[in-house]
Amino acid sequence: MYAIDECVRFLLDLSQILEFLVVKDVFLMPTTNNMYNDNQVCIQWSKHSPTKGLHHIQVWEDHVRENVVSHFVTLHNMLMGK
């Protein structure tokens, strides 16, 4: 989950930098970014309600989940092809 969160944060930062420099259209950054992961549990966490009792993981989940809901990123399982 930590790796997915870091990737989402990097994509958000990159998107904001390109937008600030007014070159986002030049680099054709997609509105929805596809991310591939081999951990089905992480993908399911990003789509469902938060885990209770693990606050540090819940913060990462919430950040990733917010970006999945807003369609900034879409998580796919690279092993299943979904």
N, C-alpha and C. Protein backbone atom coordinates (compact mmCIF):
# COMPACT_ATOMS: atom_id res chain seq x y z
N MET A 1 0.83 -1.19 0.00
CA MET A 1 0.00 0.00 0.00
C MET A 1 0.87 1.25 0.00
N TYR A 2 2.00 1.17 0.70
CA TYR A 2 2.91 2.31 0.76
C TYR A 2 3.42 2.67 -0.64
N ALA A 3 3.76 1.68 -1.42
CA ALA A 3 4.29 1.94 -2.77
C ALA A 3 3.23 2.59 -3.67
N ILE A 4 2.00 2.14 -3.55
CA ILE A 4 0.92 2.74 -4.34
C ILE A 4 0.72 4.19 -3.93
N ASP A 5 0.74 4.43 -2.62
CA ASP A 5 0.57 5.79 -2.11
C ASP A 5 1.69 6.70 -2.62
N GLU A 6 2.92 6.23 -2.60
CA GLU A 6 4.05 7.03 -3.08
C GLU A 6 3.91 7.33 -4.58
N CYS A 7 3.45 6.36 -5.34
CA CYS A 7 3.27 6.57 -6.78
C CYS A 7 2.17 7.60 -7.04
N VAL A 8 1.07 7.51 -6.29
CA VAL A 8 -0.02 8.47 -6.45
C VAL A 8 0.47 9.87 -6.09
N ARG A 9 1.22 9.99 -5.00
CA ARG A 9 1.75 11.30 -4.60
C ARG A 9 2.68 11.87 -5.68
N PHE A 10 3.52 11.02 -6.27
CA PHE A 10 4.41 11.48 -7.33
C PHE A 10 3.61 11.97 -8.53
N LEU A 11 2.58 11.22 -8.92
CA LEU A 11 1.76 11.63 -10.06
C LEU A 11 1.03 12.94 -9.79
N LEU A 12 0.55 13.11 -8.55
CA LEU A 12 -0.11 14.38 -8.19
C LEU A 12 0.87 15.54 -8.26
N ASP A 13 2.08 15.34 -7.72
CA ASP A 13 3.10 16.39 -7.77
C ASP A 13 3.46 16.73 -9.21
N LEU A 14 3.67 15.71 -10.01
CA LEU A 14 4.02 15.93 -11.42
C LEU A 14 2.91 16.68 -12.15
N SER A 15 1.68 16.30 -11.90
CA SER A 15 0.54 16.97 -12.53
C SER A 15 0.48 18.44 -12.12
N GLN A 16 0.71 18.73 -10.85
CA GLN A 16 0.68 20.12 -10.37
C GLN A 16 1.83 20.94 -10.93
N ILE A 17 3.00 20.34 -11.04
CA ILE A 17 4.15 21.06 -11.61
C ILE A 17 3.89 21.39 -13.07
N LEU A 18 3.42 20.41 -13.84
CA LEU A 18 3.13 20.65 -15.25
C LEU A 18 2.03 21.70 -15.44
N GLU A 19 1.05 21.66 -14.55
CA GLU A 19 -0.03 22.65 -14.62
C GLU A 19 0.48 24.05 -14.27
N PHE A 20 1.35 24.14 -13.26
CA PHE A 20 1.92 25.42 -12.87
C PHE A 20 2.77 26.02 -13.99
N LEU A 21 3.51 25.17 -14.67
CA LEU A 21 4.37 25.62 -15.77
C LEU A 21 3.59 25.82 -17.08
N VAL A 22 2.32 25.53 -17.06
CA VAL A 22 1.42 25.67 -18.21
C VAL A 22 1.91 24.83 -19.39
N VAL A 23 2.36 23.63 -19.10
CA VAL A 23 2.81 22.73 -20.16
C VAL A 23 2.13 21.36 -20.04
N LYS A 24 1.09 21.28 -19.25
CA LYS A 24 0.41 20.00 -19.05
C LYS A 24 -0.14 19.45 -20.36
N ASP A 25 -0.65 20.32 -21.21
CA ASP A 25 -1.20 19.88 -22.50
C ASP A 25 -0.10 19.46 -23.46
N VAL A 26 1.08 20.04 -23.33
CA VAL A 26 2.20 19.70 -24.22
C VAL A 26 2.64 18.26 -23.98
N PHE A 27 2.67 17.84 -22.70
CA PHE A 27 3.13 16.50 -22.36
C PHE A 27 2.00 15.47 -22.39
N LEU A 28 0.79 15.90 -22.68
CA LEU A 28 -0.36 15.02 -22.82
C LEU A 28 -0.54 14.09 -21.63
N MET A 29 -0.50 14.65 -20.44
CA MET A 29 -0.74 13.84 -19.25
C MET A 29 -2.21 13.47 -19.20
N PRO A 30 -2.51 12.18 -19.07
CA PRO A 30 -3.92 11.75 -19.09
C PRO A 30 -4.68 12.23 -17.85
N THR A 31 -5.98 12.34 -18.00
CA THR A 31 -6.80 12.74 -16.85
C THR A 31 -6.93 11.58 -15.86
N THR A 32 -6.92 10.35 -16.36
CA THR A 32 -6.91 9.17 -15.50
C THR A 32 -5.64 8.39 -15.77
N ASN A 33 -4.86 8.16 -14.72
CA ASN A 33 -3.59 7.46 -14.84
C ASN A 33 -3.77 6.00 -14.43
N ASN A 34 -3.33 5.08 -15.27
CA ASN A 34 -3.41 3.66 -14.98
C ASN A 34 -2.19 3.22 -14.20
N MET A 35 -2.43 2.53 -13.08
CA MET A 35 -1.36 1.98 -12.27
C MET A 35 -1.55 0.47 -12.20
N TYR A 36 -0.47 -0.26 -12.36
CA TYR A 36 -0.53 -1.72 -12.32
C TYR A 36 0.19 -2.22 -11.08
N ASN A 37 -0.44 -3.19 -10.41
CA ASN A 37 0.09 -3.73 -9.17
C ASN A 37 -0.14 -5.23 -9.18
N ASP A 38 0.76 -5.98 -8.55
CA ASP A 38 0.58 -7.43 -8.49
C ASP A 38 -0.05 -7.88 -7.18
N ASN A 39 -0.49 -6.94 -6.34
CA ASN A 39 -1.08 -7.26 -5.05
C ASN A 39 -2.58 -6.98 -5.08
N GLN A 40 -3.36 -8.04 -5.21
CA GLN A 40 -4.81 -7.90 -5.31
C GLN A 40 -5.41 -7.29 -4.05
N VAL A 41 -4.84 -7.56 -2.89
CA VAL A 41 -5.36 -7.02 -1.63
C VAL A 41 -5.28 -5.49 -1.64
N CYS A 42 -4.17 -4.93 -2.10
CA CYS A 42 -4.03 -3.48 -2.17
C CYS A 42 -5.06 -2.87 -3.10
N ILE A 43 -5.31 -3.53 -4.19
CA ILE A 43 -6.30 -3.03 -5.15
C ILE A 43 -7.69 -3.05 -4.52
N GLN A 44 -8.00 -4.11 -3.79
CA GLN A 44 -9.31 -4.19 -3.12
C GLN A 44 -9.41 -3.13 -2.03
N TRP A 45 -8.34 -2.89 -1.28
CA TRP A 45 -8.34 -1.84 -0.25
C TRP A 45 -8.65 -0.48 -0.86
N SER A 46 -8.17 -0.25 -2.06
CA SER A 46 -8.37 1.06 -2.68
C SER A 46 -9.82 1.28 -3.10
N LYS A 47 -10.60 0.21 -3.16
CA LYS A 47 -11.98 0.32 -3.63
C LYS A 47 -13.01 0.19 -2.54
N HIS A 48 -12.63 -0.23 -1.35
CA HIS A 48 -13.60 -0.52 -0.29
C HIS A 48 -13.33 0.31 0.96
N SER A 49 -14.14 0.10 1.95
CA SER A 49 -14.06 0.87 3.20
C SER A 49 -12.74 0.65 3.92
N PRO A 50 -12.35 1.61 4.76
CA PRO A 50 -11.05 1.53 5.42
C PRO A 50 -10.94 0.39 6.43
N THR A 51 -9.71 -0.03 6.65
CA THR A 51 -9.40 -1.04 7.64
C THR A 51 -9.40 -0.39 9.02
N LYS A 52 -10.01 -1.03 9.98
CA LYS A 52 -10.04 -0.48 11.33
C LYS A 52 -8.85 -1.01 12.11
N GLY A 53 -8.27 -0.15 12.94
CA GLY A 53 -7.20 -0.59 13.83
C GLY A 53 -5.79 -0.32 13.34
N LEU A 54 -5.59 -0.10 12.08
CA LEU A 54 -4.25 0.17 11.55
C LEU A 54 -4.23 1.58 10.99
N HIS A 55 -4.04 2.54 11.87
CA HIS A 55 -4.17 3.95 11.47
C HIS A 55 -3.15 4.34 10.40
N HIS A 56 -1.89 3.91 10.52
CA HIS A 56 -0.88 4.31 9.54
C HIS A 56 -1.20 3.78 8.15
N ILE A 57 -1.75 2.59 8.07
CA ILE A 57 -2.16 2.06 6.76
C ILE A 57 -3.44 2.74 6.30
N GLN A 58 -4.32 3.06 7.23
CA GLN A 58 -5.59 3.70 6.87
C GLN A 58 -5.36 5.05 6.21
N VAL A 59 -4.35 5.79 6.66
CA VAL A 59 -4.04 7.09 6.05
C VAL A 59 -3.63 6.89 4.59
N TRP A 60 -2.80 5.89 4.32
CA TRP A 60 -2.40 5.60 2.94
C TRP A 60 -3.60 5.16 2.12
N GLU A 61 -4.43 4.29 2.72
CA GLU A 61 -5.62 3.82 2.02
C GLU A 61 -6.51 4.99 1.62
N ASP A 62 -6.76 5.87 2.58
CA ASP A 62 -7.65 6.99 2.32
C ASP A 62 -7.12 7.88 1.20
N HIS A 63 -5.82 8.12 1.19
CA HIS A 63 -5.24 8.96 0.15
C HIS A 63 -5.38 8.31 -1.22
N VAL A 64 -5.07 7.03 -1.29
CA VAL A 64 -5.20 6.31 -2.57
C VAL A 64 -6.66 6.23 -2.97
N ARG A 65 -7.54 5.91 -2.01
CA ARG A 65 -8.97 5.76 -2.30
C ARG A 65 -9.56 7.06 -2.84
N GLU A 66 -9.17 8.20 -2.25
CA GLU A 66 -9.68 9.49 -2.72
C GLU A 66 -9.31 9.72 -4.18
N ASN A 67 -8.11 9.33 -4.55
CA ASN A 67 -7.67 9.53 -5.93
C ASN A 67 -8.28 8.51 -6.88
N VAL A 68 -8.64 7.34 -6.39
CA VAL A 68 -9.35 6.36 -7.22
C VAL A 68 -10.78 6.85 -7.45
N VAL A 69 -11.42 7.34 -6.40
CA VAL A 69 -12.80 7.83 -6.51
C VAL A 69 -12.88 9.04 -7.43
N SER A 70 -11.88 9.92 -7.36
CA SER A 70 -11.88 11.11 -8.21
C SER A 70 -11.42 10.81 -9.64
N HIS A 71 -11.09 9.55 -9.92
CA HIS A 71 -10.65 9.08 -11.24
C HIS A 71 -9.32 9.68 -11.66
N PHE A 72 -8.49 10.07 -10.68
CA PHE A 72 -7.13 10.51 -11.03
C PHE A 72 -6.26 9.30 -11.36
N VAL A 73 -6.48 8.20 -10.63
CA VAL A 73 -5.77 6.95 -10.91
C VAL A 73 -6.77 5.80 -10.98
N THR A 74 -6.40 4.78 -11.72
CA THR A 74 -7.15 3.54 -11.78
C THR A 74 -6.15 2.42 -11.54
N LEU A 75 -6.46 1.57 -10.57
CA LEU A 75 -5.55 0.46 -10.23
C LEU A 75 -5.97 -0.78 -10.97
N HIS A 76 -4.99 -1.49 -11.54
CA HIS A 76 -5.22 -2.73 -12.26
C HIS A 76 -4.29 -3.79 -11.70
N ASN A 77 -4.74 -5.04 -11.75
CA ASN A 77 -3.90 -6.15 -11.35
C ASN A 77 -3.13 -6.61 -12.58
N MET A 78 -1.81 -6.48 -12.53
CA MET A 78 -1.01 -6.81 -13.71
C MET A 78 -0.93 -8.31 -13.95
N LEU A 79 -1.21 -9.13 -12.93
CA LEU A 79 -1.17 -10.56 -13.11
C LEU A 79 -2.48 -11.11 -13.69
N MET A 80 -3.58 -10.46 -13.35
CA MET A 80 -4.88 -10.93 -13.80
C MET A 80 -5.32 -10.23 -15.09
N GLY A 81 -4.71 -9.13 -15.43
CA GLY A 81 -5.08 -8.40 -16.62
C GLY A 81 -6.37 -7.61 -16.49
N LYS A 82 -6.76 -7.30 -15.23
CA LYS A 82 -8.01 -6.56 -15.00
C LYS A 82 -7.73 -5.13 -14.68
